């Protein structure tokens, strides 16, 4: 009689498979384990043998200990994505599942670090807004947000660092195009933001971060049913986009700097405001700086020049990256409370996943100094 693995947590297998973007069939093909057996493992009806677990660990790039401990409670309900789940195509649904699982792992890392290092308290005001609220209300809300937090009327220095200083857990990791660059979630009182690591443009990275900030500020009170309703979702995304534009390009100052209704004129402002030209075109339209025909011509010109996908003035711009978790883990390692081996072991995640989600250099968690490596071998 084949013996299963004592302590195997069935839900962890589903979590790992979805985090890697695999179906039960594709995992079966990668391991040689029957799909029916994998289904039984995930349902808790059967436990994999040690040999089967080793195959699963290899295919999913996760240590055995990951499958032998219960994760902290996590719910992805209320997460904000660019497309409602009901309207999403199959690839987009799989992309969402992967992002939701990575949000869960991000929470595990943040909770672990937060027990050992004092992280900033959440200080993100809420301005509850109904899905059918007017965009003028969003505009005024952005003005009040700046006033309340003392942000002035000029360009924001660093959007990601602002989020982290206010208690947001921010991470950059690969995101499929279907997710359009970002997602966010307010879960158990903590705001989480995922930004695409494959976004090389500072201006769009700032815009994505500001858009998710809009969701966290205006929509965190809404239930999952409202967020996933197609009509309501469309309004929520429109509001978040308007908040991002109003926050990054405030009506009190930005119009004074627009000297001509052309994309070349806006390009001269890009270094100062660090916003995409296409976003500035939309902002000029809603502020009445461009009439509808000028907005149309500017948009056509953007496409003609190829600026919809790659704008000028991005080459020398230094990206804004999350720093909070990376600095905290470095503090643990350098200060002595935990070494790399202990952190990886206690978290139970793949070292590469920790590095990616925490914003650490590749190899940081798996390449230890010589003395630490000797200790690591002793423990093994």
Protein backbone atom coordinates (compact mmCIF):
# COMPACT_ATOMS: atom_id res chain seq x y z
CA UNK A 1 0.00 0.00 0.00
CA UNK A 2 1.39 3.38 -1.03
CA UNK A 3 1.76 5.85 1.83
CA UNK A 4 0.91 9.51 1.41
CA UNK A 5 2.77 12.51 2.82
CA UNK A 6 1.75 13.30 6.44
CA UNK A 7 0.69 16.92 6.91
CA UNK A 8 0.11 17.62 3.22
CA UNK A 9 -2.13 20.71 2.81
CA UNK A 10 -4.37 20.16 -0.22
CA UNK A 11 -5.14 23.83 -0.85
CA UNK A 12 -1.46 24.63 -1.22
CA UNK A 13 -1.24 22.52 -4.37
CA UNK A 14 -4.10 24.42 -6.01
CA UNK A 15 -2.49 27.68 -4.92
CA UNK A 16 0.91 26.73 -6.33
CA UNK A 17 -0.50 25.44 -9.61
CA UNK A 18 -2.53 28.62 -10.20
CA UNK A 19 0.40 30.83 -9.19
CA UNK A 20 2.45 29.15 -11.93
CA UNK A 21 -0.36 29.53 -14.47
CA UNK A 22 -0.84 25.78 -14.92
CA UNK A 23 -3.94 23.66 -15.36
CA UNK A 24 -4.27 20.23 -13.81
CA UNK A 25 -3.68 18.77 -17.26
CA UNK A 26 -0.48 20.73 -17.88
CA UNK A 27 0.81 19.87 -14.39
CA UNK A 28 0.06 16.24 -15.11
CA UNK A 29 2.09 16.44 -18.32
CA UNK A 30 4.98 18.11 -16.48
CA UNK A 31 5.12 15.50 -13.71
CA UNK A 32 3.78 12.29 -15.25
CA UNK A 33 1.19 12.12 -12.46
CA UNK A 34 -2.35 11.38 -13.64
CA UNK A 35 -4.71 14.36 -13.79
CA UNK A 36 -7.22 12.44 -11.70
CA UNK A 37 -4.62 11.97 -8.96
CA UNK A 38 -3.77 15.67 -8.98
CA UNK A 39 -7.48 16.45 -8.69
CA UNK A 40 -7.72 14.11 -5.70
CA UNK A 41 -4.69 15.77 -4.08
CA UNK A 42 -6.26 19.21 -4.45
CA UNK A 43 -9.59 18.05 -3.07
CA UNK A 44 -7.91 16.47 -0.07
CA UNK A 45 -9.23 13.01 -0.99
CA UNK A 46 -5.75 11.63 -1.37
CA UNK A 47 -2.25 12.62 -0.27
CA UNK A 48 0.69 12.38 -2.68
CA UNK A 49 3.40 9.89 -1.94
CA UNK A 50 6.83 11.36 -1.08
CA UNK A 51 7.94 10.49 -4.62
CA UNK A 52 4.90 12.23 -6.16
CA UNK A 53 5.40 15.26 -3.92
CA UNK A 54 9.01 15.52 -5.07
CA UNK A 55 7.81 15.58 -8.69
CA UNK A 56 5.25 18.27 -7.89
CA UNK A 57 7.89 20.36 -6.09
CA UNK A 58 10.17 20.15 -9.10
CA UNK A 59 7.48 21.11 -11.59
CA UNK A 60 6.20 24.00 -9.43
CA UNK A 61 9.62 25.21 -8.23
CA UNK A 62 8.59 25.15 -4.59
CA UNK A 63 10.11 23.39 -1.55
CA UNK A 64 8.32 20.51 0.15
CA UNK A 65 7.75 22.62 3.28
CA UNK A 66 5.48 24.91 1.24
CA UNK A 67 2.93 22.09 1.01
CA UNK A 68 3.20 21.12 4.68
CA UNK A 69 2.04 24.33 6.36
CA UNK A 70 -1.19 26.28 6.30
CA UNK A 71 -0.90 29.78 4.83
CA UNK A 72 -2.28 32.84 6.65
CA UNK A 73 -5.93 33.50 5.87
CA UNK A 74 -6.23 35.45 2.65
CA UNK A 75 -9.14 36.52 0.47
CA UNK A 76 -8.80 38.05 -2.97
CA UNK A 77 -12.40 39.27 -2.90
CA UNK A 78 -12.52 42.96 -3.60
CA UNK A 79 -9.37 42.96 -5.74
CA UNK A 80 -9.33 45.52 -8.54
CA UNK A 81 -8.44 44.37 -12.03
CA UNK A 82 -8.96 46.15 -15.33
CA UNK A 83 -11.58 43.63 -16.47
CA UNK A 84 -14.40 42.05 -14.43
CA UNK A 85 -14.01 38.31 -14.02
CA UNK A 86 -17.30 37.51 -15.77
CA UNK A 87 -16.25 39.41 -18.89
CA UNK A 88 -12.65 38.19 -18.96
CA UNK A 89 -11.42 35.79 -21.61
CA UNK A 90 -9.89 32.48 -20.48
CA UNK A 91 -6.27 33.77 -20.66
CA UNK A 92 -7.29 36.85 -18.66
CA UNK A 93 -8.95 34.67 -16.02
CA UNK A 94 -5.81 32.59 -15.69
CA UNK A 95 -3.75 35.78 -15.45
CA UNK A 96 -6.04 37.01 -12.68
CA UNK A 97 -5.71 33.75 -10.76
CA UNK A 98 -1.96 33.97 -10.98
CA UNK A 99 -1.96 37.59 -9.78
CA UNK A 100 -4.35 36.75 -6.92
CA UNK A 101 -2.08 33.94 -5.76
CA UNK A 102 0.93 36.22 -5.90
CA UNK A 103 -0.97 38.79 -3.85
CA UNK A 104 -1.43 36.02 -1.28
CA UNK A 105 2.30 35.29 -1.26
CA UNK A 106 3.02 39.00 -0.99
CA UNK A 107 0.84 39.07 2.12
CA UNK A 108 2.77 36.11 3.59
CA UNK A 109 6.05 37.96 3.09
CA UNK A 110 4.67 41.21 4.50
CA UNK A 111 3.20 39.51 7.58
CA UNK A 112 6.46 37.65 8.21
CA UNK A 113 8.58 40.79 7.87
CA UNK A 114 6.10 42.83 9.90
CA UNK A 115 6.56 40.55 12.92
CA UNK A 116 10.29 41.30 12.95
CA UNK A 117 10.52 44.87 11.59
CA UNK A 118 8.25 47.84 12.25
CA UNK A 119 6.52 48.61 8.94
CA UNK A 120 4.71 51.92 8.37
CA UNK A 121 1.19 52.04 9.73
CA UNK A 122 -1.62 52.28 7.21
CA UNK A 123 -2.46 55.98 6.84
CA UNK A 124 -4.45 56.06 3.65
CA UNK A 125 -7.65 58.11 3.96
CA UNK A 126 -10.89 56.73 2.58
CA UNK A 127 -13.20 58.78 0.39
CA UNK A 128 -16.04 56.30 -0.30
CA UNK A 129 -17.51 56.90 -3.72
CA UNK A 130 -20.46 55.20 -5.41
CA UNK A 131 -19.89 53.66 -8.87
CA UNK A 132 -22.33 56.16 -10.41
CA UNK A 133 -20.71 59.23 -8.82
CA UNK A 134 -19.96 62.09 -11.23
CA UNK A 135 -16.42 62.62 -12.46
CA UNK A 136 -16.57 66.17 -11.08
CA UNK A 137 -16.82 64.53 -7.65
CA UNK A 138 -13.67 62.54 -8.40
CA UNK A 139 -11.92 65.76 -9.43
CA UNK A 140 -12.79 67.46 -6.15
CA UNK A 141 -11.82 64.35 -4.22
CA UNK A 142 -8.32 64.42 -5.77
CA UNK A 143 -7.96 68.08 -4.77
CA UNK A 144 -9.02 67.27 -1.21
CA UNK A 145 -6.66 64.28 -1.12
CA UNK A 146 -3.71 66.50 -2.02
CA UNK A 147 -4.77 69.12 0.53
CA UNK A 148 -5.31 66.62 3.34
CA UNK A 149 -1.92 64.96 2.83
CA UNK A 150 -0.02 68.19 2.23
CA UNK A 151 1.03 67.32 -1.31
CA UNK A 152 0.82 70.85 -2.69
CA UNK A 153 -0.02 71.44 -6.33
CA UNK A 154 3.19 70.43 -8.10
CA UNK A 155 4.38 67.07 -9.48
CA UNK A 156 4.50 64.17 -7.03
CA UNK A 157 8.09 63.24 -6.28
CA UNK A 158 7.74 59.44 -6.16
CA UNK A 159 4.34 57.76 -6.28
CA UNK A 160 5.52 54.31 -5.16
CA UNK A 161 7.47 55.65 -2.18
CA UNK A 162 4.41 57.70 -1.24
CA UNK A 163 2.30 54.52 -1.23
CA UNK A 164 4.84 52.66 0.89
CA UNK A 165 5.15 55.52 3.38
CA UNK A 166 1.38 55.35 3.83
CA UNK A 167 1.46 51.64 4.70
CA UNK A 168 0.86 50.10 1.26
CA UNK A 169 2.68 46.87 0.43
CA UNK A 170 3.86 47.40 -3.15
CA UNK A 171 5.51 44.85 -5.42
CA UNK A 172 6.59 44.64 -9.04
CA UNK A 173 6.39 41.27 -10.76
CA UNK A 174 5.66 39.92 -14.25
CA UNK A 175 2.04 40.52 -15.26
CA UNK A 176 0.31 39.28 -18.37
CA UNK A 177 -0.90 41.93 -20.86
CA UNK A 178 -4.52 41.03 -20.06
CA UNK A 179 -4.09 42.68 -16.64
CA UNK A 180 -2.93 45.95 -18.24
CA UNK A 181 -0.12 46.66 -15.86
CA UNK A 182 -1.48 46.66 -12.32
CA UNK A 183 -3.96 45.44 -9.72
CA UNK A 184 -4.67 46.21 -6.07
CA UNK A 185 -6.47 44.89 -3.03
CA UNK A 186 -7.40 46.16 0.45
CA UNK A 187 -7.33 42.97 2.53
CA UNK A 188 -7.64 42.68 6.32
CA UNK A 189 -6.91 46.39 6.69
CA UNK A 190 -3.74 46.36 4.58
CA UNK A 191 -3.50 47.78 1.03
CA UNK A 192 -1.55 45.73 -1.53
CA UNK A 193 -0.50 46.88 -4.99
CA UNK A 194 1.01 44.76 -7.77
CA UNK A 195 2.71 46.59 -10.64
CA UNK A 196 4.10 44.98 -13.77
CA UNK A 197 7.87 44.50 -13.68
CA UNK A 198 7.94 44.40 -17.48
CA UNK A 199 6.77 48.04 -17.69
CA UNK A 200 9.99 49.92 -18.66
CA UNK A 201 8.39 53.38 -18.83
CA UNK A 202 8.54 55.53 -15.71
CA UNK A 203 5.61 57.68 -16.81
CA UNK A 204 3.24 54.72 -17.20
CA UNK A 205 4.49 53.04 -14.02
CA UNK A 206 3.59 56.20 -12.07
CA UNK A 207 0.21 56.35 -13.75
CA UNK A 208 -0.58 52.70 -12.94
CA UNK A 209 0.40 53.28 -9.30
CA UNK A 210 -1.78 56.43 -9.09
CA UNK A 211 -4.71 54.56 -10.64
CA UNK A 212 -4.51 51.79 -8.04
CA UNK A 213 -4.23 54.45 -5.34
CA UNK A 214 -7.54 55.80 -6.64
CA UNK A 215 -9.19 52.40 -6.20
CA UNK A 216 -7.81 52.02 -2.67
CA UNK A 217 -8.98 55.49 -1.65
CA UNK A 218 -12.40 55.53 -3.35
CA UNK A 219 -13.56 51.93 -3.69
CA UNK A 220 -12.29 49.79 -0.84
CA UNK A 221 -15.70 49.88 0.84
CA UNK A 222 -17.42 48.16 -2.10
CA UNK A 223 -18.35 44.48 -2.05
CA UNK A 224 -17.11 41.92 -4.53
CA UNK A 225 -20.48 41.68 -6.28
CA UNK A 226 -20.43 45.41 -7.10
CA UNK A 227 -16.82 45.36 -8.25
CA UNK A 228 -17.45 42.42 -10.61
CA UNK A 229 -20.67 43.83 -12.09
CA UNK A 230 -19.78 44.80 -15.67
CA UNK A 231 -21.54 48.17 -15.68
CA UNK A 232 -20.38 49.17 -12.20
CA UNK A 233 -16.85 47.98 -12.97
CA UNK A 234 -16.66 50.19 -16.04
CA UNK A 235 -17.60 53.23 -13.94
CA UNK A 236 -15.09 52.30 -11.24
CA UNK A 237 -12.26 52.09 -13.76
CA UNK A 238 -13.27 55.43 -15.27
CA UNK A 239 -13.22 56.99 -11.81
CA UNK A 240 -9.79 55.50 -11.00
CA UNK A 241 -8.37 56.82 -14.28
CA UNK A 242 -9.80 60.27 -13.60
CA UNK A 243 -8.38 60.25 -10.07
CA UNK A 244 -4.93 59.33 -11.40
CA UNK A 245 -4.98 62.16 -13.96
CA UNK A 246 -6.31 64.70 -11.46
CA UNK A 247 -3.75 63.65 -8.86
CA UNK A 248 -0.76 63.67 -11.20
CA UNK A 249 -1.82 66.71 -13.26
CA UNK A 250 -3.70 69.02 -10.84
CA UNK A 251 -6.14 71.48 -12.38
CA UNK A 252 -4.78 74.32 -10.24
CA UNK A 253 -1.35 74.39 -11.91
CA UNK A 254 -1.02 72.09 -14.92
CA UNK A 255 -3.17 74.20 -17.32
CA UNK A 256 -0.88 77.19 -16.78
CA UNK A 257 2.04 75.26 -18.28
CA UNK A 258 0.32 74.00 -21.44
CA UNK A 259 1.38 76.55 -24.06
CA UNK A 260 0.00 74.94 -27.25
CA UNK A 261 -2.61 72.27 -28.17
CA UNK A 262 -0.06 69.86 -29.66
CA UNK A 263 1.69 66.71 -28.53
CA UNK A 264 5.07 68.37 -29.11
CA UNK A 265 4.15 71.06 -26.59
CA UNK A 266 3.11 68.39 -24.10
CA UNK A 267 6.32 66.45 -24.70
CA UNK A 268 8.29 69.43 -23.37
CA UNK A 269 6.35 69.09 -20.08
CA UNK A 270 6.95 65.37 -19.70
CA UNK A 271 10.26 65.59 -17.83
CA UNK A 272 8.67 67.88 -15.25
CA UNK A 273 5.33 66.13 -14.72
CA UNK A 274 6.52 62.58 -15.57
CA UNK A 275 3.24 61.56 -17.15
CA UNK A 276 2.62 59.90 -20.53
CA UNK A 277 1.83 62.36 -23.31
CA UNK A 278 -1.35 60.40 -24.09
CA UNK A 279 -2.49 60.91 -20.48
CA UNK A 280 -1.73 64.63 -20.75
CA UNK A 281 -3.82 64.76 -23.94
CA UNK A 282 -6.79 63.25 -22.09
CA UNK A 283 -6.25 65.66 -19.22
CA UNK A 284 -6.18 68.64 -21.56
CA UNK A 285 -9.47 67.48 -23.04
CA UNK A 286 -11.27 67.15 -19.72
CA UNK A 287 -9.93 70.52 -18.51
CA UNK A 288 -11.05 72.27 -21.70
CA UNK A 289 -7.51 73.12 -22.81
CA UNK A 290 -8.03 71.10 -26.01
CA UNK A 291 -11.36 71.08 -27.81
CA UNK A 292 -12.69 67.68 -28.99
CA UNK A 293 -11.19 68.11 -32.45
CA UNK A 294 -7.76 68.94 -31.00
CA UNK A 295 -7.95 65.88 -28.76
CA UNK A 296 -8.82 63.72 -31.77
CA UNK A 297 -5.96 65.13 -33.87
CA UNK A 298 -3.49 64.73 -31.02
CA UNK A 299 -4.56 61.12 -30.49
CA UNK A 300 -4.23 60.34 -34.19
CA UNK A 301 -0.79 61.96 -34.20
CA UNK A 302 0.26 59.83 -31.22
CA UNK A 303 -0.63 56.68 -33.13
CA UNK A 304 1.03 57.92 -36.32
CA UNK A 305 4.30 58.55 -34.49
CA UNK A 306 4.15 55.23 -32.63
CA UNK A 307 3.89 56.94 -29.25
CA UNK A 308 0.99 54.82 -28.04
CA UNK A 309 3.44 52.06 -27.14
CA UNK A 310 6.78 53.85 -26.87
CA UNK A 311 6.99 57.56 -26.13
CA UNK A 312 10.17 59.66 -26.21
CA UNK A 313 11.85 61.04 -23.09
CA UNK A 314 11.79 57.72 -21.23
CA UNK A 315 15.30 56.48 -21.94
CA UNK A 316 17.09 58.32 -19.14
CA UNK A 317 14.28 58.25 -16.59
CA UNK A 318 15.06 56.19 -13.49
CA UNK A 319 12.21 53.84 -12.62
CA UNK A 320 10.44 54.15 -9.28
CA UNK A 321 10.70 50.78 -7.58
CA UNK A 322 9.28 49.45 -4.29
CA UNK A 323 11.86 49.52 -1.49
CA UNK A 324 10.06 48.78 1.75
CA UNK A 325 10.19 44.97 1.83
CA UNK A 326 13.67 44.79 0.30
CA UNK A 327 15.10 47.21 2.88
CA UNK A 328 13.35 45.39 5.70
CA UNK A 329 14.73 41.99 4.68
CA UNK A 330 18.22 43.45 4.24
CA UNK A 331 17.89 44.88 7.76
CA UNK A 332 17.03 41.43 9.10
CA UNK A 333 19.99 39.85 7.33
CA UNK A 334 22.51 42.58 8.12
CA UNK A 335 21.28 43.09 11.68
CA UNK A 336 21.45 39.42 12.61
CA UNK A 337 17.92 38.45 13.76
CA UNK A 338 17.53 36.24 10.69
CA UNK A 339 19.90 34.99 8.01
CA UNK A 340 18.89 34.17 4.45
CA UNK A 341 18.46 30.49 5.18
CA UNK A 342 16.15 31.14 8.12
CA UNK A 343 14.00 33.57 6.15
CA UNK A 344 13.57 31.21 3.19
CA UNK A 345 12.91 28.25 5.50
CA UNK A 346 10.42 30.04 7.73
CA UNK A 347 8.51 31.53 4.81
CA UNK A 348 8.43 28.20 2.96
CA UNK A 349 8.51 29.91 -0.43
CA UNK A 350 10.94 29.62 -3.32
CA UNK A 351 13.90 31.98 -2.82
CA UNK A 352 13.34 33.40 -6.30
CA UNK A 353 9.70 34.23 -5.53
CA UNK A 354 10.74 36.04 -2.35
CA UNK A 355 13.34 38.03 -4.28
CA UNK A 356 10.89 38.95 -7.00
CA UNK A 357 7.98 39.95 -4.77
CA UNK A 358 10.17 41.79 -2.24
CA UNK A 359 12.16 43.61 -4.93
CA UNK A 360 15.50 42.03 -4.01
CA UNK A 361 18.31 41.38 -6.52
CA UNK A 362 18.20 38.00 -8.19
CA UNK A 363 20.22 35.51 -6.11
CA UNK A 364 20.12 37.57 -2.90
CA UNK A 365 18.20 34.95 -0.92
CA UNK A 366 19.96 31.96 -2.43
CA UNK A 367 23.54 33.26 -2.51
CA UNK A 368 24.83 33.70 1.03
CA UNK A 369 28.24 34.95 2.20
CA UNK A 370 30.87 32.27 2.86
CA UNK A 371 30.38 32.15 6.63
CA UNK A 372 26.64 32.01 6.27
CA UNK A 373 26.96 29.23 3.70
CA UNK A 374 28.93 27.15 6.22
CA UNK A 375 26.14 27.63 8.77
CA UNK A 376 23.62 26.77 6.07
CA UNK A 377 25.39 23.47 5.34
CA UNK A 378 25.48 22.62 9.04
CA UNK A 379 21.74 23.15 9.34
CA UNK A 380 21.04 21.08 6.24
